[in-house]
């Protein structure tokens, strides 16, 4: 082997390293971002669900035998509260 061919190989290797450094950095950054996103999603899926709160305070609920009676009771209650206001 000659010194010239060894030098050309070293220069070519360094040149290849320089040219591939930027895409390698971008690929590693994208990989890190994807892994972080996956970790965040895993953490959010394994977190406990918030407690379910009732829509109404139990005192405001209407108990009736059917829908028609419940609608009449609701209308009567609303009219009475509106009249008293």
PDB file of N, CA and C in Angstrom:
ATOM      1  N   UNK A   1       0.847  -1.178   0.000  1.00  0.00           N
ATOM      2  CA  UNK A   1       0.000   0.000   0.000  1.00  0.00           C
ATOM      3  C   UNK A   1       0.886   1.233   0.000  1.00  0.00           C
ATOM      4  N   UNK A   2       0.413   2.143  -0.703  1.00  0.00           N
ATOM      5  CA  UNK A   2       1.135   3.411  -0.755  1.00  0.00           C
ATOM      6  C   UNK A   2       0.544   4.384   0.241  1.00  0.00           C
ATOM      7  N   UNK A   3       1.312   5.373   0.518  1.00  0.00           N
ATOM      8  CA  UNK A   3       0.847   6.416   1.438  1.00  0.00           C
ATOM      9  C   UNK A   3      -0.300   7.208   0.820  1.00  0.00           C
ATOM     10  N   UNK A   4      -0.268   7.390  -0.458  1.00  0.00           N
ATOM     11  CA  UNK A   4      -1.315   8.158  -1.137  1.00  0.00           C
ATOM     12  C   UNK A   4      -2.674   7.466  -1.055  1.00  0.00           C
ATOM     13  N   UNK A   5      -2.683   6.152  -1.238  1.00  0.00           N
ATOM     14  CA  UNK A   5      -3.948   5.431  -1.186  1.00  0.00           C
ATOM     15  C   UNK A   5      -4.483   5.384   0.248  1.00  0.00           C
ATOM     16  N   UNK A   6      -3.598   5.272   1.235  1.00  0.00           N
ATOM     17  CA  UNK A   6      -4.025   5.296   2.633  1.00  0.00           C
ATOM     18  C   UNK A   6      -4.575   6.677   2.975  1.00  0.00           C
ATOM     19  N   UNK A   7      -3.904   7.720   2.520  1.00  0.00           N
ATOM     20  CA  UNK A   7      -4.367   9.085   2.781  1.00  0.00           C
ATOM     21  C   UNK A   7      -5.711   9.329   2.102  1.00  0.00           C
ATOM     22  N   UNK A   8      -5.873   8.819   0.876  1.00  0.00           N
ATOM     23  CA  UNK A   8      -7.149   8.986   0.167  1.00  0.00           C
ATOM     24  C   UNK A   8      -8.264   8.250   0.909  1.00  0.00           C
ATOM     25  N   UNK A   9      -7.983   7.095   1.434  1.00  0.00           N
ATOM     26  CA  UNK A   9      -8.981   6.354   2.210  1.00  0.00           C
ATOM     27  C   UNK A   9      -9.368   7.089   3.479  1.00  0.00           C
ATOM     28  N   UNK A  10      -8.385   7.659   4.170  1.00  0.00           N
ATOM     29  CA  UNK A  10      -8.673   8.405   5.394  1.00  0.00           C
ATOM     30  C   UNK A  10      -9.484   9.659   5.079  1.00  0.00           C
ATOM     31  N   UNK A  11      -9.080  10.376   4.033  1.00  0.00           N
ATOM     32  CA  UNK A  11      -9.803  11.595   3.645  1.00  0.00           C
ATOM     33  C   UNK A  11     -11.232  11.242   3.219  1.00  0.00           C
ATOM     34  N   UNK A  12     -11.399  10.160   2.466  1.00  0.00           N
ATOM     35  CA  UNK A  12     -12.744   9.736   2.058  1.00  0.00           C
ATOM     36  C   UNK A  12     -13.596   9.351   3.250  1.00  0.00           C
ATOM     37  N   UNK A  13     -12.997   8.673   4.223  1.00  0.00           N
ATOM     38  CA  UNK A  13     -13.744   8.302   5.421  1.00  0.00           C
ATOM     39  C   UNK A  13     -14.176   9.512   6.230  1.00  0.00           C
ATOM     40  N   UNK A  14     -13.270  10.458   6.379  1.00  0.00           N
ATOM     41  CA  UNK A  14     -13.609  11.683   7.124  1.00  0.00           C
ATOM     42  C   UNK A  14     -14.685  12.467   6.377  1.00  0.00           C
ATOM     43  N   UNK A  15     -14.560  12.538   5.049  1.00  0.00           N
ATOM     44  CA  UNK A  15     -15.554  13.248   4.251  1.00  0.00           C
ATOM     45  C   UNK A  15     -16.925  12.566   4.378  1.00  0.00           C
ATOM     46  N   UNK A  16     -16.964  11.243   4.330  1.00  0.00           N
ATOM     47  CA  UNK A  16     -18.217  10.512   4.517  1.00  0.00           C
ATOM     48  C   UNK A  16     -18.802  10.748   5.889  1.00  0.00           C
ATOM     49  N   UNK A  17     -17.961  10.776   6.912  1.00  0.00           N
ATOM     50  CA  UNK A  17     -18.416  11.047   8.274  1.00  0.00           C
ATOM     51  C   UNK A  17     -19.040  12.429   8.374  1.00  0.00           C
ATOM     52  N   UNK A  18     -18.401  13.409   7.766  1.00  0.00           N
ATOM     53  CA  UNK A  18     -18.918  14.784   7.814  1.00  0.00           C
ATOM     54  C   UNK A  18     -20.255  14.872   7.076  1.00  0.00           C
ATOM     55  N   UNK A  19     -20.353  14.208   5.930  1.00  0.00           N
ATOM     56  CA  UNK A  19     -21.588  14.290   5.146  1.00  0.00           C
ATOM     57  C   UNK A  19     -22.744  13.544   5.819  1.00  0.00           C
ATOM     58  N   UNK A  20     -22.461  12.511   6.566  1.00  0.00           N
ATOM     59  CA  UNK A  20     -23.524  11.736   7.206  1.00  0.00           C
ATOM     60  C   UNK A  20     -23.843  12.196   8.628  1.00  0.00           C
ATOM     61  N   UNK A  21     -23.106  13.147   9.167  1.00  0.00           N
ATOM     62  CA  UNK A  21     -23.327  13.594  10.544  1.00  0.00           C
ATOM     63  C   UNK A  21     -24.685  14.288  10.699  1.00  0.00           C
ATOM     64  N   UNK A  22     -25.049  15.170   9.765  1.00  0.00           N
ATOM     65  CA  UNK A  22     -26.319  15.909   9.874  1.00  0.00           C
ATOM     66  C   UNK A  22     -27.530  14.978   9.764  1.00  0.00           C
ATOM     67  N   UNK A  23     -27.596  14.085   8.765  1.00  0.00           N
ATOM     68  CA  UNK A  23     -28.752  13.168   8.726  1.00  0.00           C
ATOM     69  C   UNK A  23     -28.805  12.237   9.933  1.00  0.00           C
ATOM     70  N   UNK A  24     -27.650  11.843  10.440  1.00  0.00           N
ATOM     71  CA  UNK A  24     -27.632  10.992  11.619  1.00  0.00           C
ATOM     72  C   UNK A  24     -28.205  11.737  12.826  1.00  0.00           C
ATOM     73  N   UNK A  25     -27.848  13.000  12.981  1.00  0.00           N
ATOM     74  CA  UNK A  25     -28.390  13.812  14.076  1.00  0.00           C
ATOM     75  C   UNK A  25     -29.896  13.979  13.964  1.00  0.00           C
ATOM     76  N   UNK A  26     -30.377  14.211  12.745  1.00  0.00           N
ATOM     77  CA  UNK A  26     -31.832  14.338  12.535  1.00  0.00           C
ATOM     78  C   UNK A  26     -32.553  13.025  12.852  1.00  0.00           C
ATOM     79  N   UNK A  27     -31.981  11.913  12.419  1.00  0.00           N
ATOM     80  CA  UNK A  27     -32.604  10.616  12.664  1.00  0.00           C
ATOM     81  C   UNK A  27     -32.626  10.295  14.153  1.00  0.00           C
ATOM     82  N   UNK A  28     -31.546  10.590  14.854  1.00  0.00           N
ATOM     83  CA  UNK A  28     -31.521  10.337  16.294  1.00  0.00           C
ATOM     84  C   UNK A  28     -32.499  11.248  17.040  1.00  0.00           C
ATOM     85  N   UNK A  29     -32.636  12.494  16.593  1.00  0.00           N
ATOM     86  CA  UNK A  29     -33.604  13.412  17.197  1.00  0.00           C
ATOM     87  C   UNK A  29     -35.035  12.933  16.984  1.00  0.00           C
ATOM     88  N   UNK A  30     -35.344  12.442  15.774  1.00  0.00           N
ATOM     89  CA  UNK A  30     -36.681  11.926  15.489  1.00  0.00           C
ATOM     90  C   UNK A  30     -36.958  10.664  16.306  1.00  0.00           C
ATOM     91  N   UNK A  31     -35.951   9.811  16.461  1.00  0.00           N
ATOM     92  CA  UNK A  31     -36.111   8.604  17.264  1.00  0.00           C
ATOM     93  C   UNK A  31     -36.377   8.952  18.718  1.00  0.00           C
ATOM     94  N   UNK A  32     -35.652   9.903  19.251  1.00  0.00           N
ATOM     95  CA  UNK A  32     -35.867  10.326  20.634  1.00  0.00           C
ATOM     96  C   UNK A  32     -37.263  10.901  20.802  1.00  0.00           C
ATOM     97  N   UNK A  33     -37.703  11.711  19.841  1.00  0.00           N
ATOM     98  CA  UNK A  33     -39.044  12.308  19.910  1.00  0.00           C
ATOM     99  C   UNK A  33     -40.126  11.235  19.871  1.00  0.00           C
ATOM    100  N   UNK A  34     -39.962  10.238  19.005  1.00  0.00           N
ATOM    101  CA  UNK A  34     -40.954   9.163  18.915  1.00  0.00           C
ATOM    102  C   UNK A  34     -40.987   8.350  20.210  1.00  0.00           C
ATOM    103  N   UNK A  35     -39.833   8.076  20.785  1.00  0.00           N
ATOM    104  CA  UNK A  35     -39.806   7.329  22.047  1.00  0.00           C
ATOM    105  C   UNK A  35     -40.437   8.134  23.182  1.00  0.00           C
ATOM    106  N   UNK A  36     -40.211   9.439  23.197  1.00  0.00           N
ATOM    107  CA  UNK A  36     -40.804  10.275  24.240  1.00  0.00           C
ATOM    108  C   UNK A  36     -42.314  10.343  24.083  1.00  0.00           C
ATOM    109  N   UNK A  37     -42.794  10.454  22.852  1.00  0.00           N
ATOM    110  CA  UNK A  37     -44.237  10.463  22.597  1.00  0.00           C
ATOM    111  C   UNK A  37     -44.871   9.146  23.045  1.00  0.00           C
ATOM    112  N   UNK A  38     -44.209   8.042  22.748  1.00  0.00           N
ATOM    113  CA  UNK A  38     -44.729   6.735  23.169  1.00  0.00           C
ATOM    114  C   UNK A  38     -44.760   6.633  24.689  1.00  0.00           C
ATOM    115  N   UNK A  39     -43.728   7.121  25.347  1.00  0.00           N
ATOM    116  CA  UNK A  39     -43.706   7.071  26.811  1.00  0.00           C
ATOM    117  C   UNK A  39     -44.819   7.936  27.402  1.00  0.00           C
ATOM    118  N   UNK A  40     -45.046   9.106  26.813  1.00  0.00           N
ATOM    119  CA  UNK A  40     -46.112   9.990  27.293  1.00  0.00           C
ATOM    120  C   UNK A  40     -47.487   9.340  27.112  1.00  0.00           C
ATOM    121  N   UNK A  41     -47.717   8.715  25.958  1.00  0.00           N
ATOM    122  CA  UNK A  41     -49.001   8.060  25.714  1.00  0.00           C
ATOM    123  C   UNK A  41     -49.205   6.873  26.650  1.00  0.00           C
ATOM    124  N   UNK A  42     -48.142   6.120  26.889  1.00  0.00           N
ATOM    125  CA  UNK A  42     -48.242   4.985  27.810  1.00  0.00           C
ATOM    126  C   UNK A  42     -48.584   5.466  29.213  1.00  0.00           C
ATOM    127  N   UNK A  43     -47.952   6.557  29.627  1.00  0.00           N
ATOM    128  CA  UNK A  43     -48.222   7.097  30.959  1.00  0.00           C
ATOM    129  C   UNK A  43     -49.660   7.611  31.064  1.00  0.00           C
ATOM    130  N   UNK A  44     -50.140   8.266  30.012  1.00  0.00           N
ATOM    131  CA  UNK A  44     -51.506   8.798  30.078  1.00  0.00           C
ATOM    132  C   UNK A  44     -52.545   7.677  30.036  1.00  0.00           C
ATOM    133  N   UNK A  45     -52.243   6.582  29.341  1.00  0.00           N
ATOM    134  CA  UNK A  45     -53.194   5.469  29.293  1.00  0.00           C
ATOM    135  C   UNK A  45     -53.212   4.669  30.587  1.00  0.00           C
ATOM    136  N   UNK A  46     -52.092   4.647  31.282  1.00  0.00           N
ATOM    137  CA  UNK A  46     -52.052   3.869  32.520  1.00  0.00           C
ATOM    138  C   UNK A  46     -52.479   4.691  33.736  1.00  0.00           C
ATOM    139  N   UNK A  47     -52.706   5.980  33.553  1.00  0.00           N
ATOM    140  CA  UNK A  47     -53.145   6.826  34.666  1.00  0.00           C
ATOM    141  C   UNK A  47     -54.592   6.479  35.030  1.00  0.00           C
ATOM    142  N   UNK A  48     -54.938   6.592  36.299  1.00  0.00           N
ATOM    143  CA  UNK A  48     -56.322   6.286  36.688  1.00  0.00           C
ATOM    144  C   UNK A  48     -57.291   7.321  36.120  1.00  0.00           C
ATOM    145  N   UNK A  49     -58.484   6.856  35.812  1.00  0.00           N
ATOM    146  CA  UNK A  49     -59.506   7.752  35.279  1.00  0.00           C
ATOM    147  C   UNK A  49     -60.036   8.660  36.382  1.00  0.00           C
ATOM    148  N   UNK A  50     -60.401   9.890  36.027  1.00  0.00           N
ATOM    149  CA  UNK A  50     -60.970  10.771  37.048  1.00  0.00           C
ATOM    150  C   UNK A  50     -62.317  10.223  37.509  1.00  0.00           C
ATOM    151  N   UNK A  51     -62.701  10.509  38.732  1.00  0.00           N
ATOM    152  CA  UNK A  51     -63.980   9.979  39.223  1.00  0.00           C
ATOM    153  C   UNK A  51     -65.152  10.593  38.457  1.00  0.00           C
ATOM    154  N   UNK A  52     -66.168   9.804  38.268  1.00  0.00           N
ATOM    155  CA  UNK A  52     -67.360  10.262  37.566  1.00  0.00           C
ATOM    156  C   UNK A  52     -68.258  10.992  38.562  1.00  0.00           C
ATOM    157  N   UNK A  53     -68.553  12.227  38.240  1.00  0.00           N
ATOM    158  CA  UNK A  53     -69.426  13.020  39.109  1.00  0.00           C
ATOM    159  C   UNK A  53     -70.850  12.962  38.572  1.00  0.00           C
ATOM    160  N   UNK A  54     -71.816  12.964  39.432  1.00  0.00           N
ATOM    161  CA  UNK A  54     -73.204  12.960  38.950  1.00  0.00           C
ATOM    162  C   UNK A  54     -73.537  14.294  38.289  1.00  0.00           C
ATOM    163  N   UNK A  55     -74.453  14.255  37.338  1.00  0.00           N
ATOM    164  CA  UNK A  55     -74.848  15.477  36.638  1.00  0.00           C
ATOM    165  C   UNK A  55     -75.638  16.421  37.541  1.00  0.00           C
ATOM    166  N   UNK A  56     -76.404  15.857  38.439  1.00  0.00           N
ATOM    167  CA  UNK A  56     -77.244  16.649  39.336  1.00  0.00           C
ATOM    168  C   UNK A  56     -76.925  16.318  40.780  1.00  0.00           C
ATOM    169  N   UNK A  57     -77.213  17.266  41.619  1.00  0.00           N
ATOM    170  CA  UNK A  57     -77.164  17.007  43.048  1.00  0.00           C
ATOM    171  C   UNK A  57     -78.335  16.067  43.344  1.00  0.00           C
ATOM    172  N   UNK A  58     -78.148  15.081  44.199  1.00  0.00           N
ATOM    173  CA  UNK A  58     -79.235  14.115  44.433  1.00  0.00           C
ATOM    174  C   UNK A  58     -80.567  14.759  44.812  1.00  0.00           C
ATOM    175  N   UNK A  59     -80.538  15.917  45.466  1.00  0.00           N
ATOM    176  CA  UNK A  59     -81.806  16.569  45.859  1.00  0.00           C
ATOM    177  C   UNK A  59     -82.576  17.099  44.652  1.00  0.00           C
ATOM    178  N   UNK A  60     -81.918  17.349  43.530  1.00  0.00           N
ATOM    179  CA  UNK A  60     -82.585  17.907  42.357  1.00  0.00           C
ATOM    180  C   UNK A  60     -83.122  16.834  41.417  1.00  0.00           C
ATOM    181  N   UNK A  61     -82.854  15.589  41.687  1.00  0.00           N
ATOM    182  CA  UNK A  61     -83.311  14.513  40.826  1.00  0.00           C
ATOM    183  C   UNK A  61     -84.809  14.307  40.922  1.00  0.00           C
ATOM    184  N   UNK A  62     -85.413  13.855  39.823  1.00  0.00           N
ATOM    185  CA  UNK A  62     -86.848  13.579  39.778  1.00  0.00           C
ATOM    186  C   UNK A  62     -87.023  12.079  39.632  1.00  0.00           C
ATOM    187  N   UNK A  63     -87.776  11.505  40.522  1.00  0.00           N
ATOM    188  CA  UNK A  63     -88.096  10.081  40.408  1.00  0.00           C
ATOM    189  C   UNK A  63     -89.550   9.963  39.993  1.00  0.00           C
ATOM    190  N   UNK A  64     -89.775   9.248  38.911  1.00  0.00           N
ATOM    191  CA  UNK A  64     -91.136   9.088  38.397  1.00  0.00           C
ATOM    192  C   UNK A  64     -91.268   7.708  37.777  1.00  0.00           C
ATOM    193  N   UNK A  65     -92.506   7.286  37.595  1.00  0.00           N
ATOM    194  CA  UNK A  65     -92.775   5.962  37.042  1.00  0.00           C
ATOM    195  C   UNK A  65     -92.446   5.896  35.557  1.00  0.00           C
ATOM    196  N   UNK A  66     -92.708   7.006  34.822  1.00  0.00           N
ATOM    197  CA  UNK A  66     -92.401   7.006  33.393  1.00  0.00           C
ATOM    198  C   UNK A  66     -91.963   8.400  32.956  1.00  0.00           C
ATOM    199  N   UNK A  67     -91.673   8.527  31.679  1.00  0.00           N
ATOM    200  CA  UNK A  67     -91.140   9.778  31.149  1.00  0.00           C
ATOM    201  C   UNK A  67     -92.172  10.906  31.175  1.00  0.00           C
ATOM    202  N   UNK A  68     -93.404  10.598  30.911  1.00  0.00           N
ATOM    203  CA  UNK A  68     -94.456  11.618  30.883  1.00  0.00           C
ATOM    204  C   UNK A  68     -94.653  12.231  32.261  1.00  0.00           C
ATOM    205  N   UNK A  69     -94.713  11.408  33.262  1.00  0.00           N
ATOM    206  CA  UNK A  69     -94.884  11.920  34.636  1.00  0.00           C
ATOM    207  C   UNK A  69     -93.652  12.740  35.045  1.00  0.00           C
ATOM    208  N   UNK A  70     -92.482  12.293  34.643  1.00  0.00           N
ATOM    209  CA  UNK A  70     -91.260  13.039  34.964  1.00  0.00           C
ATOM    210  C   UNK A  70     -91.258  14.405  34.287  1.00  0.00           C
ATOM    211  N   UNK A  71     -91.699  14.478  33.033  1.00  0.00           N
ATOM    212  CA  UNK A  71     -91.760  15.755  32.318  1.00  0.00           C
ATOM    213  C   UNK A  71     -92.761  16.698  32.971  1.00  0.00           C
ATOM    214  N   UNK A  72     -93.919  16.185  33.383  1.00  0.00           N
ATOM    215  CA  UNK A  72     -94.921  17.013  34.060  1.00  0.00           C
ATOM    216  C   UNK A  72     -94.405  17.519  35.400  1.00  0.00           C
ATOM    217  N   UNK A  73     -93.736  16.645  36.140  1.00  0.00           N
ATOM    218  CA  UNK A  73     -93.176  17.049  37.444  1.00  0.00           C
ATOM    219  C   UNK A  73     -92.113  18.123  37.254  1.00  0.00           C
ATOM    220  N   UNK A  74     -91.275  17.947  36.236  1.00  0.00           N
ATOM    221  CA  UNK A  74     -90.240  18.945  35.960  1.00  0.00           C
ATOM    222  C   UNK A  74     -90.861  20.281  35.574  1.00  0.00           C
ATOM    223  N   UNK A  75     -91.872  20.261  34.707  1.00  0.00           N
ATOM    224  CA  UNK A  75     -92.519  21.505  34.294  1.00  0.00           C
ATOM    225  C   UNK A  75     -93.175  22.197  35.481  1.00  0.00           C
ATOM    226  N   UNK A  76     -93.834  21.441  36.335  1.00  0.00           N
ATOM    227  CA  UNK A  76     -94.474  22.012  37.526  1.00  0.00           C
ATOM    228  C   UNK A  76     -93.437  22.628  38.462  1.00  0.00           C
ATOM    229  N   UNK A  77     -92.342  21.933  38.650  1.00  0.00           N
ATOM    230  CA  UNK A  77     -91.275  22.440  39.522  1.00  0.00           C
ATOM    231  C   UNK A  77     -90.680  23.723  38.959  1.00  0.00           C
ATOM    232  N   UNK A  78     -90.417  23.737  37.670  1.00  0.00           N
ATOM    233  CA  UNK A  78     -89.838  24.938  37.046  1.00  0.00           C
ATOM    234  C   UNK A  78     -90.801  26.119  37.113  1.00  0.00           C
ATOM    235  N   UNK A  79     -92.076  25.878  36.856  1.00  0.00           N
ATOM    236  CA  UNK A  79     -93.048  26.957  36.923  1.00  0.00           C
ATOM    237  C   UNK A  79     -93.135  27.510  38.358  1.00  0.00           C
ATOM    238  N   UNK A  80     -93.137  26.617  39.331  1.00  0.00           N
ATOM    239  CA  UNK A  80     -93.222  27.062  40.727  1.00  0.00           C
ATOM    240  C   UNK A  80     -91.999  27.881  41.130  1.00  0.00           C
ATOM    241  N   UNK A  81     -90.808  27.411  40.718  1.00  0.00           N
ATOM    242  CA  UNK A  81     -89.594  28.170  41.078  1.00  0.00           C
ATOM    243  C   UNK A  81     -89.520  29.492  40.327  1.00  0.00           C
ATOM    244  N   UNK A  82     -89.987  29.518  39.069  1.00  0.00           N
ATOM    245  CA  UNK A  82     -89.983  30.762  38.305  1.00  0.00           C
ATOM    246  C   UNK A  82     -90.957  31.763  38.905  1.00  0.00           C
ATOM    247  N   UNK A  83     -92.098  31.293  39.347  1.00  0.00           N
ATOM    248  CA  UNK A  83     -93.106  32.180  39.948  1.00  0.00           C
ATOM    249  C   UNK A  83     -92.593  32.734  41.268  1.00  0.00           C
ATOM    250  N   UNK A  84     -91.854  31.907  42.014  1.00  0.00           N
ATOM    251  CA  UNK A  84     -91.355  32.403  43.317  1.00  0.00           C
ATOM    252  C   UNK A  84     -90.170  33.340  43.163  1.00  0.00           C
ATOM    253  N   UNK A  85     -89.515  33.294  42.017  1.00  0.00           N
ATOM    254  CA  UNK A  85     -88.364  34.177  41.801  1.00  0.00           C
ATOM    255  C   UNK A  85     -88.871  35.528  41.412  1.00  0.00           C
TER     256      UNK A  85
END
